[in-house]
Amino acid sequence: MGTETVVSGTDPDELSEVLSTPGSPIKVAALNNSPIRFHCNFLSAGAVRVADCAYEGTIALKREAPSEKMIIFLPKQGNLIFNYPRKPIESVPGRGTILEGDPTTGTLLFGPRRHLALFIDKAKITGHLSHMLDRTISGKIDIHPYFDMTSDAGLALVHLAEQLHRGLCKDGPLRQSPLALASFCDAATYLILENCQHRYSNELGRPAPAPAPRHVKWAIDFMHEHIAAPISLDDIAIAAKVSVRTLQQGFRQFRNTSPMTYLQEMRMTAAHHDLLSSDTKQTVADVAAKWGFSHLGRFAAEYKKRFGYLPSQTLKA
């Protein structure tokens, strides 16, 4: 289970290839053509990737397209400055950095630099948030870019990242234990969501809302059972044993959305998972049609709004 990639070298183009994904290329250059050196060890396990990287020299980097990952840097040595239009974000020892994978106007790395990094699928983040808040969450969560690595939560996250890396190296125990691995990945995700400031932090801090009534649960169960079928609002209301008006009121009150929007989000999430795990034989059009999206252009636009990148970029990643 999982893959390991270890790369060492001095060629900026080779480093660019290592750091890039098909949907989110990163251009790398040695500043003033000065010599550089790098050693990177990447370990992938499902929706989470962990890396231990060391660099020498001054390196300029630029992410040219959005990433489907949230990226958490845990610096041990050196400085890394991400330049964004609003203001730079600085990654230094003692201060963790969280990025939502936006393109940069330019990034500077000053070696010697060493950091651990976690890469978590944005879909996993929003999926956990949806579960925690008991409603559909989509788009960016606007997470605060900094957290204190010396705090209890920061130390716990560093420990989890180190254990993940150690457990996935070579014949590490997490390679043979998918349940334990999933628990580690979930723990890291929940630790970030519960301890780092973001758009939904205040909502997570409030008392849990009252449980949804039976007809809302019945409606959601019916949607799951017929997620790819051409069901209507009337079909859902009949399955929930209430009027359309009562169904709409229930979803507004307990899911903060409409029944059909809720169904659309379910289908979009299913399409996203399909594209992530798809082989090369399946096209974007195939996936869109499978989950009930008949208009490919509209599907692509809604998908980009939901996940931050096009479905074709997910398929190539």
C-alpha atoms as a PDB file:
ATOM      1  CA  MET A   1       0.000   0.000   0.000  1.00  0.00           C
ATOM      2  CA  GLY A   2       1.299   3.444  -0.919  1.00  0.00           C
ATOM      3  CA  THR A   3       4.209   4.577  -3.083  1.00  0.00           C
ATOM      4  CA  GLU A   4       7.621   6.036  -2.262  1.00  0.00           C
ATOM      5  CA  THR A   5       9.624   8.459  -4.399  1.00  0.00           C
ATOM      6  CA  VAL A   6      13.159   9.459  -3.396  1.00  0.00           C
ATOM      7  CA  VAL A   7      14.998  12.003  -5.543  1.00  0.00           C
ATOM      8  CA  SER A   8      18.349  13.752  -5.040  1.00  0.00           C
ATOM      9  CA  GLY A   9      20.096  16.105  -7.411  1.00  0.00           C
ATOM     10  CA  THR A  10      21.209  19.546  -8.502  1.00  0.00           C
ATOM     11  CA  ASP A  11      19.067  20.117 -11.629  1.00  0.00           C
ATOM     12  CA  PRO A  12      16.209  22.673 -11.224  1.00  0.00           C
ATOM     13  CA  ASP A  13      14.250  20.991 -14.036  1.00  0.00           C
ATOM     14  CA  GLU A  14      14.395  17.657 -12.215  1.00  0.00           C
ATOM     15  CA  LEU A  15      13.151  19.326  -9.023  1.00  0.00           C
ATOM     16  CA  SER A  16      10.347  20.967 -10.990  1.00  0.00           C
ATOM     17  CA  GLU A  17       9.260  17.549 -12.259  1.00  0.00           C
ATOM     18  CA  VAL A  18       9.318  16.101  -8.729  1.00  0.00           C
ATOM     19  CA  LEU A  19       7.238  18.915  -7.196  1.00  0.00           C
ATOM     20  CA  SER A  20       4.709  19.242 -10.028  1.00  0.00           C
ATOM     21  CA  THR A  21       1.504  17.337 -10.681  1.00  0.00           C
ATOM     22  CA  PRO A  22      -0.104  17.171 -14.149  1.00  0.00           C
ATOM     23  CA  GLY A  23      -2.827  19.588 -13.071  1.00  0.00           C
ATOM     24  CA  SER A  24      -0.602  21.939 -11.069  1.00  0.00           C
ATOM     25  CA  PRO A  25       2.886  22.461 -12.545  1.00  0.00           C
ATOM     26  CA  ILE A  26       5.616  24.161 -10.519  1.00  0.00           C
ATOM     27  CA  LYS A  27       8.488  25.931 -12.274  1.00  0.00           C
ATOM     28  CA  VAL A  28      11.840  25.863 -10.461  1.00  0.00           C
ATOM     29  CA  ALA A  29      14.959  27.953 -11.073  1.00  0.00           C
ATOM     30  CA  ALA A  30      18.227  28.530  -9.223  1.00  0.00           C
ATOM     31  CA  LEU A  31      18.366  32.207  -8.280  1.00  0.00           C
ATOM     32  CA  ASN A  32      21.143  33.983 -10.221  1.00  0.00           C
ATOM     33  CA  ASN A  33      22.125  30.558 -11.600  1.00  0.00           C
ATOM     34  CA  SER A  34      23.786  29.720  -8.282  1.00  0.00           C
ATOM     35  CA  PRO A  35      24.293  26.004  -7.461  1.00  0.00           C
ATOM     36  CA  ILE A  36      21.497  24.177  -5.659  1.00  0.00           C
ATOM     37  CA  ARG A  37      21.060  20.734  -4.155  1.00  0.00           C
ATOM     38  CA  PHE A  38      17.970  18.847  -3.012  1.00  0.00           C
ATOM     39  CA  HIS A  39      16.946  15.557  -1.451  1.00  0.00           C
ATOM     40  CA  CYS A  40      13.215  14.736  -1.346  1.00  0.00           C
ATOM     41  CA  ASN A  41      11.409  11.683  -0.049  1.00  0.00           C
ATOM     42  CA  PHE A  42       7.688  11.576  -0.951  1.00  0.00           C
ATOM     43  CA  LEU A  43       5.333   8.921   0.418  1.00  0.00           C
ATOM     44  CA  SER A  44       1.764   8.652  -0.879  1.00  0.00           C
ATOM     45  CA  ALA A  45      -1.167   6.880   0.757  1.00  0.00           C
ATOM     46  CA  GLY A  46      -4.604   7.500  -0.705  1.00  0.00           C
ATOM     47  CA  ALA A  47      -5.811  11.039  -0.084  1.00  0.00           C
ATOM     48  CA  VAL A  48      -2.704  11.983   1.947  1.00  0.00           C
ATOM     49  CA  ARG A  49       0.916  12.451   0.912  1.00  0.00           C
ATOM     50  CA  VAL A  50       3.816  13.158   3.277  1.00  0.00           C
ATOM     51  CA  ALA A  51       7.295  14.406   2.357  1.00  0.00           C
ATOM     52  CA  ASP A  52      10.658  15.004   4.013  1.00  0.00           C
ATOM     53  CA  CYS A  53      12.654  17.486   1.934  1.00  0.00           C
ATOM     54  CA  ALA A  54      16.064  19.170   2.283  1.00  0.00           C
ATOM     55  CA  TYR A  55      17.485  21.934   0.075  1.00  0.00           C
ATOM     56  CA  GLU A  56      20.739  23.850  -0.361  1.00  0.00           C
ATOM     57  CA  GLY A  57      21.036  27.175  -2.174  1.00  0.00           C
ATOM     58  CA  THR A  58      18.515  29.859  -3.084  1.00  0.00           C
ATOM     59  CA  ILE A  59      15.665  28.541  -5.205  1.00  0.00           C
ATOM     60  CA  ALA A  60      12.839  30.377  -6.994  1.00  0.00           C
ATOM     61  CA  LEU A  61       9.569  28.480  -7.494  1.00  0.00           C
ATOM     62  CA  LYS A  62       6.224  29.321  -9.043  1.00  0.00           C
ATOM     63  CA  ARG A  63       3.001  27.291  -8.876  1.00  0.00           C
ATOM     64  CA  GLU A  64       1.214  27.977 -12.153  1.00  0.00           C
ATOM     65  CA  ALA A  65      -2.213  26.386 -11.532  1.00  0.00           C
ATOM     66  CA  PRO A  66      -4.316  25.511  -8.464  1.00  0.00           C
ATOM     67  CA  SER A  67      -3.532  22.278  -6.665  1.00  0.00           C
ATOM     68  CA  GLU A  68      -6.207  19.805  -5.528  1.00  0.00           C
ATOM     69  CA  LYS A  69      -4.273  19.460  -2.261  1.00  0.00           C
ATOM     70  CA  MET A  70      -4.121  21.456   0.937  1.00  0.00           C
ATOM     71  CA  ILE A  71      -0.417  21.726   1.803  1.00  0.00           C
ATOM     72  CA  ILE A  72       0.925  21.880   5.367  1.00  0.00           C
ATOM     73  CA  PHE A  73       4.597  22.797   5.851  1.00  0.00           C
ATOM     74  CA  LEU A  74       6.343  21.872   9.107  1.00  0.00           C
ATOM     75  CA  PRO A  75       9.743  23.639   8.879  1.00  0.00           C
ATOM     76  CA  LYS A  76      12.811  22.399  10.728  1.00  0.00           C
ATOM     77  CA  GLN A  77      15.393  24.734   9.181  1.00  0.00           C
ATOM     78  CA  GLY A  78      15.592  27.645   6.758  1.00  0.00           C
ATOM     79  CA  ASN A  79      13.128  30.090   5.242  1.00  0.00           C
ATOM     80  CA  LEU A  80      10.479  29.804   2.492  1.00  0.00           C
ATOM     81  CA  ILE A  81       8.455  32.818   1.306  1.00  0.00           C
ATOM     82  CA  PHE A  82       5.289  32.362  -0.772  1.00  0.00           C
ATOM     83  CA  ASN A  83       4.366  35.534  -2.639  1.00  0.00           C
ATOM     84  CA  TYR A  84       0.634  36.065  -3.141  1.00  0.00           C
ATOM     85  CA  PRO A  85      -1.164  39.156  -4.508  1.00  0.00           C
ATOM     86  CA  ARG A  86      -2.506  40.153  -1.068  1.00  0.00           C
ATOM     87  CA  LYS A  87       0.589  39.528   1.081  1.00  0.00           C
ATOM     88  CA  PRO A  88       3.553  37.142   1.378  1.00  0.00           C
ATOM     89  CA  ILE A  89       3.334  34.042   3.592  1.00  0.00           C
ATOM     90  CA  GLU A  90       6.559  33.087   5.361  1.00  0.00           C
ATOM     91  CA  SER A  91       7.430  29.550   6.461  1.00  0.00           C
ATOM     92  CA  VAL A  92      10.046  29.435   9.240  1.00  0.00           C
ATOM     93  CA  PRO A  93      10.918  26.972  12.046  1.00  0.00           C
ATOM     94  CA  GLY A  94       8.431  27.025  14.915  1.00  0.00           C
ATOM     95  CA  ARG A  95       5.592  28.285  12.724  1.00  0.00           C
ATOM     96  CA  GLY A  96       3.605  25.859  10.606  1.00  0.00           C
ATOM     97  CA  THR A  97       2.182  27.029   7.308  1.00  0.00           C
ATOM     98  CA  ILE A  98      -1.057  25.901   5.650  1.00  0.00           C
ATOM     99  CA  LEU A  99      -1.776  26.702   1.995  1.00  0.00           C
ATOM    100  CA  GLU A 100      -4.873  25.881  -0.048  1.00  0.00           C
ATOM    101  CA  GLY A 101      -2.858  25.263  -3.197  1.00  0.00           C
ATOM    102  CA  ASP A 102      -3.448  28.621  -4.916  1.00  0.00           C
ATOM    103  CA  PRO A 103      -1.095  29.726  -7.713  1.00  0.00           C
ATOM    104  CA  THR A 104       1.748  31.974  -6.492  1.00  0.00           C
ATOM    105  CA  THR A 105       3.267  35.055  -8.084  1.00  0.00           C
ATOM    106  CA  GLY A 106       6.625  33.646  -7.012  1.00  0.00           C
ATOM    107  CA  THR A 107       8.194  31.724  -4.119  1.00  0.00           C
ATOM    108  CA  LEU A 108      11.705  31.960  -2.697  1.00  0.00           C
ATOM    109  CA  LEU A 109      13.434  29.185  -0.740  1.00  0.00           C
ATOM    110  CA  PHE A 110      16.575  30.035   1.213  1.00  0.00           C
ATOM    111  CA  GLY A 111      18.757  27.033   2.014  1.00  0.00           C
ATOM    112  CA  PRO A 112      19.842  25.219   3.972  1.00  0.00           C
ATOM    113  CA  ARG A 113      16.148  24.375   4.322  1.00  0.00           C
ATOM    114  CA  ARG A 114      14.461  21.267   5.665  1.00  0.00           C
ATOM    115  CA  HIS A 115      10.771  20.598   6.227  1.00  0.00           C
ATOM    116  CA  LEU A 116       8.146  17.934   6.565  1.00  0.00           C
ATOM    117  CA  ALA A 117       5.090  18.501   4.399  1.00  0.00           C
ATOM    118  CA  LEU A 118       1.611  17.024   4.361  1.00  0.00           C
ATOM    119  CA  PHE A 119      -0.549  17.095   1.227  1.00  0.00           C
ATOM    120  CA  ILE A 120      -4.234  16.364   1.888  1.00  0.00           C
ATOM    121  CA  ASP A 121      -6.939  16.174  -0.788  1.00  0.00           C
ATOM    122  CA  LYS A 122      -9.236  19.197  -0.550  1.00  0.00           C
ATOM    123  CA  ALA A 123     -12.127  16.788  -1.101  1.00  0.00           C
ATOM    124  CA  LYS A 124     -11.104  14.950   2.081  1.00  0.00           C
ATOM    125  CA  ILE A 125     -11.019  18.230   4.000  1.00  0.00           C
ATOM    126  CA  THR A 126     -14.468  19.336   2.834  1.00  0.00           C
ATOM    127  CA  GLY A 127     -15.813  15.806   3.298  1.00  0.00           C
ATOM    128  CA  HIS A 128     -14.737  15.771   6.945  1.00  0.00           C
ATOM    129  CA  LEU A 129     -16.161  19.269   7.445  1.00  0.00           C
ATOM    130  CA  SER A 130     -19.455  18.179   5.916  1.00  0.00           C
ATOM    131  CA  HIS A 131     -19.566  15.262   8.334  1.00  0.00           C
ATOM    132  CA  MET A 132     -18.711  17.478  11.319  1.00  0.00           C
ATOM    133  CA  LEU A 133     -21.316  20.120  10.437  1.00  0.00           C
ATOM    134  CA  ASP A 134     -23.871  17.626   9.107  1.00  0.00           C
ATOM    135  CA  ARG A 135     -24.322  19.552   5.850  1.00  0.00           C
ATOM    136  CA  THR A 136     -22.623  19.875   2.493  1.00  0.00           C
ATOM    137  CA  ILE A 137     -19.481  22.047   2.381  1.00  0.00           C
ATOM    138  CA  SER A 138     -17.882  23.125  -0.873  1.00  0.00           C
ATOM    139  CA  GLY A 139     -15.118  25.402  -2.118  1.00  0.00           C
ATOM    140  CA  LYS A 140     -12.262  26.988  -0.201  1.00  0.00           C
ATOM    141  CA  ILE A 141     -12.403  27.061   3.589  1.00  0.00           C
ATOM    142  CA  ASP A 142     -10.148  30.163   3.845  1.00  0.00           C
ATOM    143  CA  ILE A 143      -7.891  28.630   6.446  1.00  0.00           C
ATOM    144  CA  HIS A 144      -5.481  30.932   8.320  1.00  0.00           C
ATOM    145  CA  PRO A 145      -1.995  30.281   6.887  1.00  0.00           C
ATOM    146  CA  TYR A 146      -0.117  30.063  10.205  1.00  0.00           C
ATOM    147  CA  PHE A 147      -0.188  27.925  13.331  1.00  0.00           C
ATOM    148  CA  ASP A 148       2.137  27.575  16.311  1.00  0.00           C
ATOM    149  CA  MET A 149       4.211  24.396  16.047  1.00  0.00           C
ATOM    150  CA  THR A 150       5.122  24.630  19.742  1.00  0.00           C
ATOM    151  CA  SER A 151       1.476  24.496  20.873  1.00  0.00           C
ATOM    152  CA  ASP A 152      -0.064  21.190  21.954  1.00  0.00           C
ATOM    153  CA  ALA A 153      -1.958  20.907  18.656  1.00  0.00           C
ATOM    154  CA  GLY A 154       1.119  21.898  16.644  1.00  0.00           C
ATOM    155  CA  LEU A 155       3.331  19.352  18.405  1.00  0.00           C
ATOM    156  CA  ALA A 156       0.674  16.686  17.889  1.00  0.00           C
ATOM    157  CA  LEU A 157       0.517  17.444  14.148  1.00  0.00           C
ATOM    158  CA  VAL A 158       4.314  17.266  13.836  1.00  0.00           C
ATOM    159  CA  HIS A 159       4.264  13.938  15.692  1.00  0.00           C
ATOM    160  CA  LEU A 160       1.543  12.579  13.381  1.00  0.00           C
ATOM    161  CA  ALA A 161       3.471  13.677  10.272  1.00  0.00           C
ATOM    162  CA  GLU A 162       6.655  12.051  11.557  1.00  0.00           C
ATOM    163  CA  GLN A 163       4.805   8.832  12.406  1.00  0.00           C
ATOM    164  CA  LEU A 164       3.122   8.792   8.989  1.00  0.00           C
ATOM    165  CA  HIS A 165       6.458   9.220   7.243  1.00  0.00           C
ATOM    166  CA  ARG A 166       8.177   6.596   9.376  1.00  0.00           C
ATOM    167  CA  GLY A 167       5.269   4.172   9.064  1.00  0.00           C
ATOM    168  CA  LEU A 168       5.180   4.399   5.253  1.00  0.00           C
ATOM    169  CA  CYS A 169       8.939   4.228   4.588  1.00  0.00           C
ATOM    170  CA  LYS A 170      10.165   1.004   2.982  1.00  0.00           C
ATOM    171  CA  ASP A 171       8.432  -1.845   4.854  1.00  0.00           C
ATOM    172  CA  GLY A 172       6.922   0.414   7.540  1.00  0.00           C
ATOM    173  CA  PRO A 173       3.992  -0.977   9.556  1.00  0.00           C
ATOM    174  CA  LEU A 174       1.402   1.402   8.071  1.00  0.00           C
ATOM    175  CA  ARG A 175       1.934  -0.168   4.643  1.00  0.00           C
ATOM    176  CA  GLN A 176       0.439  -3.405   5.948  1.00  0.00           C
ATOM    177  CA  SER A 177      -2.322  -1.818   8.046  1.00  0.00           C
ATOM    178  CA  PRO A 178      -4.832   0.191   5.982  1.00  0.00           C
ATOM    179  CA  LEU A 179      -7.134   0.788   8.970  1.00  0.00           C
ATOM    180  CA  ALA A 180      -4.307   2.228  11.072  1.00  0.00           C
ATOM    181  CA  LEU A 181      -3.175   4.354   8.133  1.00  0.00           C
ATOM    182  CA  ALA A 182      -6.702   5.707   7.619  1.00  0.00           C
ATOM    183  CA  SER A 183      -6.872   6.570  11.325  1.00  0.00           C
ATOM    184  CA  PHE A 184      -3.601   8.524  11.136  1.00  0.00           C
ATOM    185  CA  CYS A 185      -4.805  10.437   8.061  1.00  0.00           C
ATOM    186  CA  ASP A 186      -8.176  11.204   9.656  1.00  0.00           C
ATOM    187  CA  ALA A 187      -6.495  12.315  12.892  1.00  0.00           C
ATOM    188  CA  ALA A 188      -4.274  14.789  11.016  1.00  0.00           C
ATOM    189  CA  THR A 189      -7.262  16.188   9.102  1.00  0.00           C
ATOM    190  CA  TYR A 190      -9.455  16.609  12.189  1.00  0.00           C
ATOM    191  CA  LEU A 191      -6.555  18.109  14.152  1.00  0.00           C
ATOM    192  CA  ILE A 192      -6.173  20.812  11.501  1.00  0.00           C
ATOM    193  CA  LEU A 193      -9.907  21.521  11.197  1.00  0.00           C
ATOM    194  CA  GLU A 194     -10.460  21.739  14.960  1.00  0.00           C
ATOM    195  CA  ASN A 195      -7.363  23.750  15.888  1.00  0.00           C
ATOM    196  CA  CYS A 196      -6.608  26.059  12.939  1.00  0.00           C
ATOM    197  CA  GLN A 197      -8.736  29.090  12.166  1.00  0.00           C
ATOM    198  CA  HIS A 198     -10.858  28.962   9.010  1.00  0.00           C
ATOM    199  CA  ARG A 199     -14.236  30.065   7.652  1.00  0.00           C
ATOM    200  CA  TYR A 200     -16.123  27.403   9.625  1.00  0.00           C
ATOM    201  CA  SER A 201     -14.257  27.597  12.958  1.00  0.00           C
ATOM    202  CA  ASN A 202     -16.983  29.580  14.725  1.00  0.00           C
ATOM    203  CA  GLU A 203     -19.643  27.196  13.468  1.00  0.00           C
ATOM    204  CA  LEU A 204     -17.670  24.200  14.738  1.00  0.00           C
ATOM    205  CA  GLY A 205     -17.419  25.886  18.131  1.00  0.00           C
ATOM    206  CA  ARG A 206     -21.191  26.207  18.550  1.00  0.00           C
ATOM    207  CA  PRO A 207     -23.338  23.533  20.195  1.00  0.00           C
ATOM    208  CA  ALA A 208     -24.387  20.793  17.789  1.00  0.00           C
ATOM    209  CA  PRO A 209     -27.719  21.506  16.066  1.00  0.00           C
ATOM    210  CA  ALA A 210     -30.791  19.440  16.728  1.00  0.00           C
ATOM    211  CA  PRO A 211     -30.863  16.192  14.759  1.00  0.00           C
ATOM    212  CA  ALA A 212     -32.598  16.355  11.409  1.00  0.00           C
ATOM    213  CA  PRO A 213     -36.180  15.035  11.357  1.00  0.00           C
ATOM    214  CA  ARG A 214     -36.985  11.638   9.898  1.00  0.00           C
ATOM    215  CA  HIS A 215     -38.279  12.940   6.581  1.00  0.00           C
ATOM    216  CA  VAL A 216     -34.972  14.722   5.874  1.00  0.00           C
ATOM    217  CA  LYS A 217     -33.042  11.544   6.675  1.00  0.00           C
ATOM    218  CA  TRP A 218     -35.390   9.482   4.515  1.00  0.00           C
ATOM    219  CA  ALA A 219     -34.904  11.935   1.664  1.00  0.00           C
ATOM    220  CA  ILE A 220     -31.101  11.730   1.951  1.00  0.00           C
ATOM    221  CA  ASP A 221     -31.210   7.928   2.093  1.00  0.00           C
ATOM    222  CA  PHE A 222     -33.348   7.928  -1.069  1.00  0.00           C
ATOM    223  CA  MET A 223     -30.856  10.257  -2.793  1.00  0.00           C
ATOM    224  CA  HIS A 224     -27.951   7.951  -1.912  1.00  0.00           C
ATOM    225  CA  GLU A 225     -29.827   4.919  -3.225  1.00  0.00           C
ATOM    226  CA  HIS A 226     -30.696   6.679  -6.509  1.00  0.00           C
ATOM    227  CA  ILE A 227     -27.754   9.048  -6.800  1.00  0.00           C
ATOM    228  CA  ALA A 228     -27.170   8.352 -10.503  1.00  0.00           C
ATOM    229  CA  ALA A 229     -30.847   8.034 -11.461  1.00  0.00           C
ATOM    230  CA  PRO A 230     -32.954  10.863 -12.989  1.00  0.00           C
ATOM    231  CA  ILE A 231     -35.011  11.499  -9.830  1.00  0.00           C
ATOM    232  CA  SER A 232     -37.147  14.612  -9.340  1.00  0.00           C
ATOM    233  CA  LEU A 233     -38.097  16.727  -6.336  1.00  0.00           C
ATOM    234  CA  ASP A 234     -41.515  15.036  -6.336  1.00  0.00           C
ATOM    235  CA  ASP A 235     -39.844  11.604  -6.253  1.00  0.00           C
ATOM    236  CA  ILE A 236     -37.798  12.617  -3.221  1.00  0.00           C
ATOM    237  CA  ALA A 237     -40.819  14.076  -1.407  1.00  0.00           C
ATOM    238  CA  ILE A 238     -42.837  10.897  -2.021  1.00  0.00           C
ATOM    239  CA  ALA A 239     -39.973   8.766  -0.669  1.00  0.00           C
ATOM    240  CA  ALA A 240     -39.759  11.034   2.401  1.00  0.00           C
ATOM    241  CA  LYS A 241     -43.570  10.798   2.887  1.00  0.00           C
ATOM    242  CA  VAL A 242     -44.068  14.580   3.024  1.00  0.00           C
ATOM    243  CA  SER A 243     -45.121  17.384   0.720  1.00  0.00           C
ATOM    244  CA  VAL A 244     -42.568  19.169  -1.465  1.00  0.00           C
ATOM    245  CA  ARG A 245     -42.999  22.309   0.645  1.00  0.00           C
ATOM    246  CA  THR A 246     -42.321  20.460   3.917  1.00  0.00           C
ATOM    247  CA  LEU A 247     -39.281  18.786   2.356  1.00  0.00           C
ATOM    248  CA  GLN A 248     -37.882  22.117   1.204  1.00  0.00           C
ATOM    249  CA  GLN A 249     -38.430  23.688   4.624  1.00  0.00           C
ATOM    250  CA  GLY A 250     -36.697  20.759   6.310  1.00  0.00           C
ATOM    251  CA  PHE A 251     -33.623  21.039   4.101  1.00  0.00           C
ATOM    252  CA  ARG A 252     -33.455  24.813   4.542  1.00  0.00           C
ATOM    253  CA  GLN A 253     -33.635  24.463   8.336  1.00  0.00           C
ATOM    254  CA  PHE A 254     -31.434  21.408   8.884  1.00  0.00           C
ATOM    255  CA  ARG A 255     -29.097  21.356   5.859  1.00  0.00           C
ATOM    256  CA  ASN A 256     -28.994  25.059   4.966  1.00  0.00           C
ATOM    257  CA  THR A 257     -29.698  24.243   1.317  1.00  0.00           C
ATOM    258  CA  SER A 258     -32.399  22.899  -1.005  1.00  0.00           C
ATOM    259  CA  PRO A 259     -33.010  19.182  -1.668  1.00  0.00           C
ATOM    260  CA  MET A 260     -31.928  19.378  -5.315  1.00  0.00           C
ATOM    261  CA  THR A 261     -28.789  21.380  -4.481  1.00  0.00           C
ATOM    262  CA  TYR A 262     -27.956  18.770  -1.859  1.00  0.00           C
ATOM    263  CA  LEU A 263     -28.365  16.034  -4.493  1.00  0.00           C
ATOM    264  CA  GLN A 264     -26.213  18.003  -6.934  1.00  0.00           C
ATOM    265  CA  GLU A 265     -23.438  18.252  -4.340  1.00  0.00           C
ATOM    266  CA  MET A 266     -23.638  14.500  -3.691  1.00  0.00           C
ATOM    267  CA  ARG A 267     -23.293  13.796  -7.397  1.00  0.00           C
ATOM    268  CA  MET A 268     -20.445  16.282  -7.820  1.00  0.00           C
ATOM    269  CA  THR A 269     -18.529  14.653  -4.947  1.00  0.00           C
ATOM    270  CA  ALA A 270     -19.114  11.206  -6.469  1.00  0.00           C
ATOM    271  CA  ALA A 271     -17.857  12.460  -9.845  1.00  0.00           C
ATOM    272  CA  HIS A 272     -14.767  13.925  -8.157  1.00  0.00           C
ATOM    273  CA  HIS A 273     -13.918  10.609  -6.485  1.00  0.00           C
ATOM    274  CA  ASP A 274     -14.443   8.835  -9.817  1.00  0.00           C
ATOM    275  CA  LEU A 275     -12.059  11.193 -11.608  1.00  0.00           C
ATOM    276  CA  LEU A 276      -9.430  10.835  -8.874  1.00  0.00           C
ATOM    277  CA  SER A 277      -9.460   7.040  -9.116  1.00  0.00           C
ATOM    278  CA  SER A 278     -10.139   6.778 -12.860  1.00  0.00           C
ATOM    279  CA  ASP A 279      -7.966   4.876 -15.297  1.00  0.00           C
ATOM    280  CA  THR A 280      -7.048   6.339 -18.668  1.00  0.00           C
ATOM    281  CA  LYS A 281      -9.927   4.564 -20.428  1.00  0.00           C
ATOM    282  CA  GLN A 282     -12.533   6.780 -18.778  1.00  0.00           C
ATOM    283  CA  THR A 283     -13.171  10.313 -20.059  1.00  0.00           C
ATOM    284  CA  VAL A 284     -14.583  13.376 -18.301  1.00  0.00           C
ATOM    285  CA  ALA A 285     -17.702  13.009 -20.448  1.00  0.00           C
ATOM    286  CA  ASP A 286     -18.113   9.401 -19.270  1.00  0.00           C
ATOM    287  CA  VAL A 287     -17.921  10.432 -15.612  1.00  0.00           C
ATOM    288  CA  ALA A 288     -20.261  13.402 -16.085  1.00  0.00           C
ATOM    289  CA  ALA A 289     -22.864  11.239 -17.812  1.00  0.00           C
ATOM    290  CA  LYS A 290     -22.557   8.514 -15.162  1.00  0.00           C
ATOM    291  CA  TRP A 291     -23.537  10.955 -12.406  1.00  0.00           C
ATOM    292  CA  GLY A 292     -26.352  12.679 -14.274  1.00  0.00           C
ATOM    293  CA  PHE A 293     -24.578  15.752 -15.678  1.00  0.00           C
ATOM    294  CA  SER A 294     -25.858  16.033 -19.238  1.00  0.00           C
ATOM    295  CA  HIS A 295     -24.279  19.415 -20.081  1.00  0.00           C
ATOM    296  CA  LEU A 296     -20.490  18.942 -20.113  1.00  0.00           C
ATOM    297  CA  GLY A 297     -19.602  22.648 -20.167  1.00  0.00           C
ATOM    298  CA  ARG A 298     -21.870  23.400 -17.205  1.00  0.00           C
ATOM    299  CA  PHE A 299     -20.468  20.393 -15.343  1.00  0.00           C
ATOM    300  CA  ALA A 300     -16.891  21.629 -15.896  1.00  0.00           C
ATOM    301  CA  ALA A 301     -17.760  25.140 -14.702  1.00  0.00           C
ATOM    302  CA  GLU A 302     -19.544  23.905 -11.566  1.00  0.00           C
ATOM    303  CA  TYR A 303     -16.745  21.428 -10.883  1.00  0.00           C
ATOM    304  CA  LYS A 304     -14.106  24.165 -11.047  1.00  0.00           C
ATOM    305  CA  LYS A 305     -16.197  26.367  -8.762  1.00  0.00           C
ATOM    306  CA  ARG A 306     -16.544  23.483  -6.304  1.00  0.00           C
ATOM    307  CA  PHE A 307     -12.957  22.132  -6.306  1.00  0.00           C
ATOM    308  CA  GLY A 308     -10.865  24.968  -7.748  1.00  0.00           C
ATOM    309  CA  TYR A 309      -9.694  23.171 -10.896  1.00  0.00           C
ATOM    310  CA  LEU A 310     -11.172  21.572 -14.004  1.00  0.00           C
ATOM    311  CA  PRO A 311     -12.276  17.911 -14.133  1.00  0.00           C
ATOM    312  CA  SER A 312      -9.738  17.280 -16.891  1.00  0.00           C
ATOM    313  CA  GLN A 313      -6.956  18.371 -14.500  1.00  0.00           C
ATOM    314  CA  THR A 314      -8.160  15.880 -11.885  1.00  0.00           C
ATOM    315  CA  LEU A 315      -8.226  13.087 -14.470  1.00  0.00           C
ATOM    316  CA  LYS A 316      -4.593  13.771 -15.429  1.00  0.00           C
ATOM    317  CA  ALA A 317      -3.314  14.117 -11.852  1.00  0.00           C
END
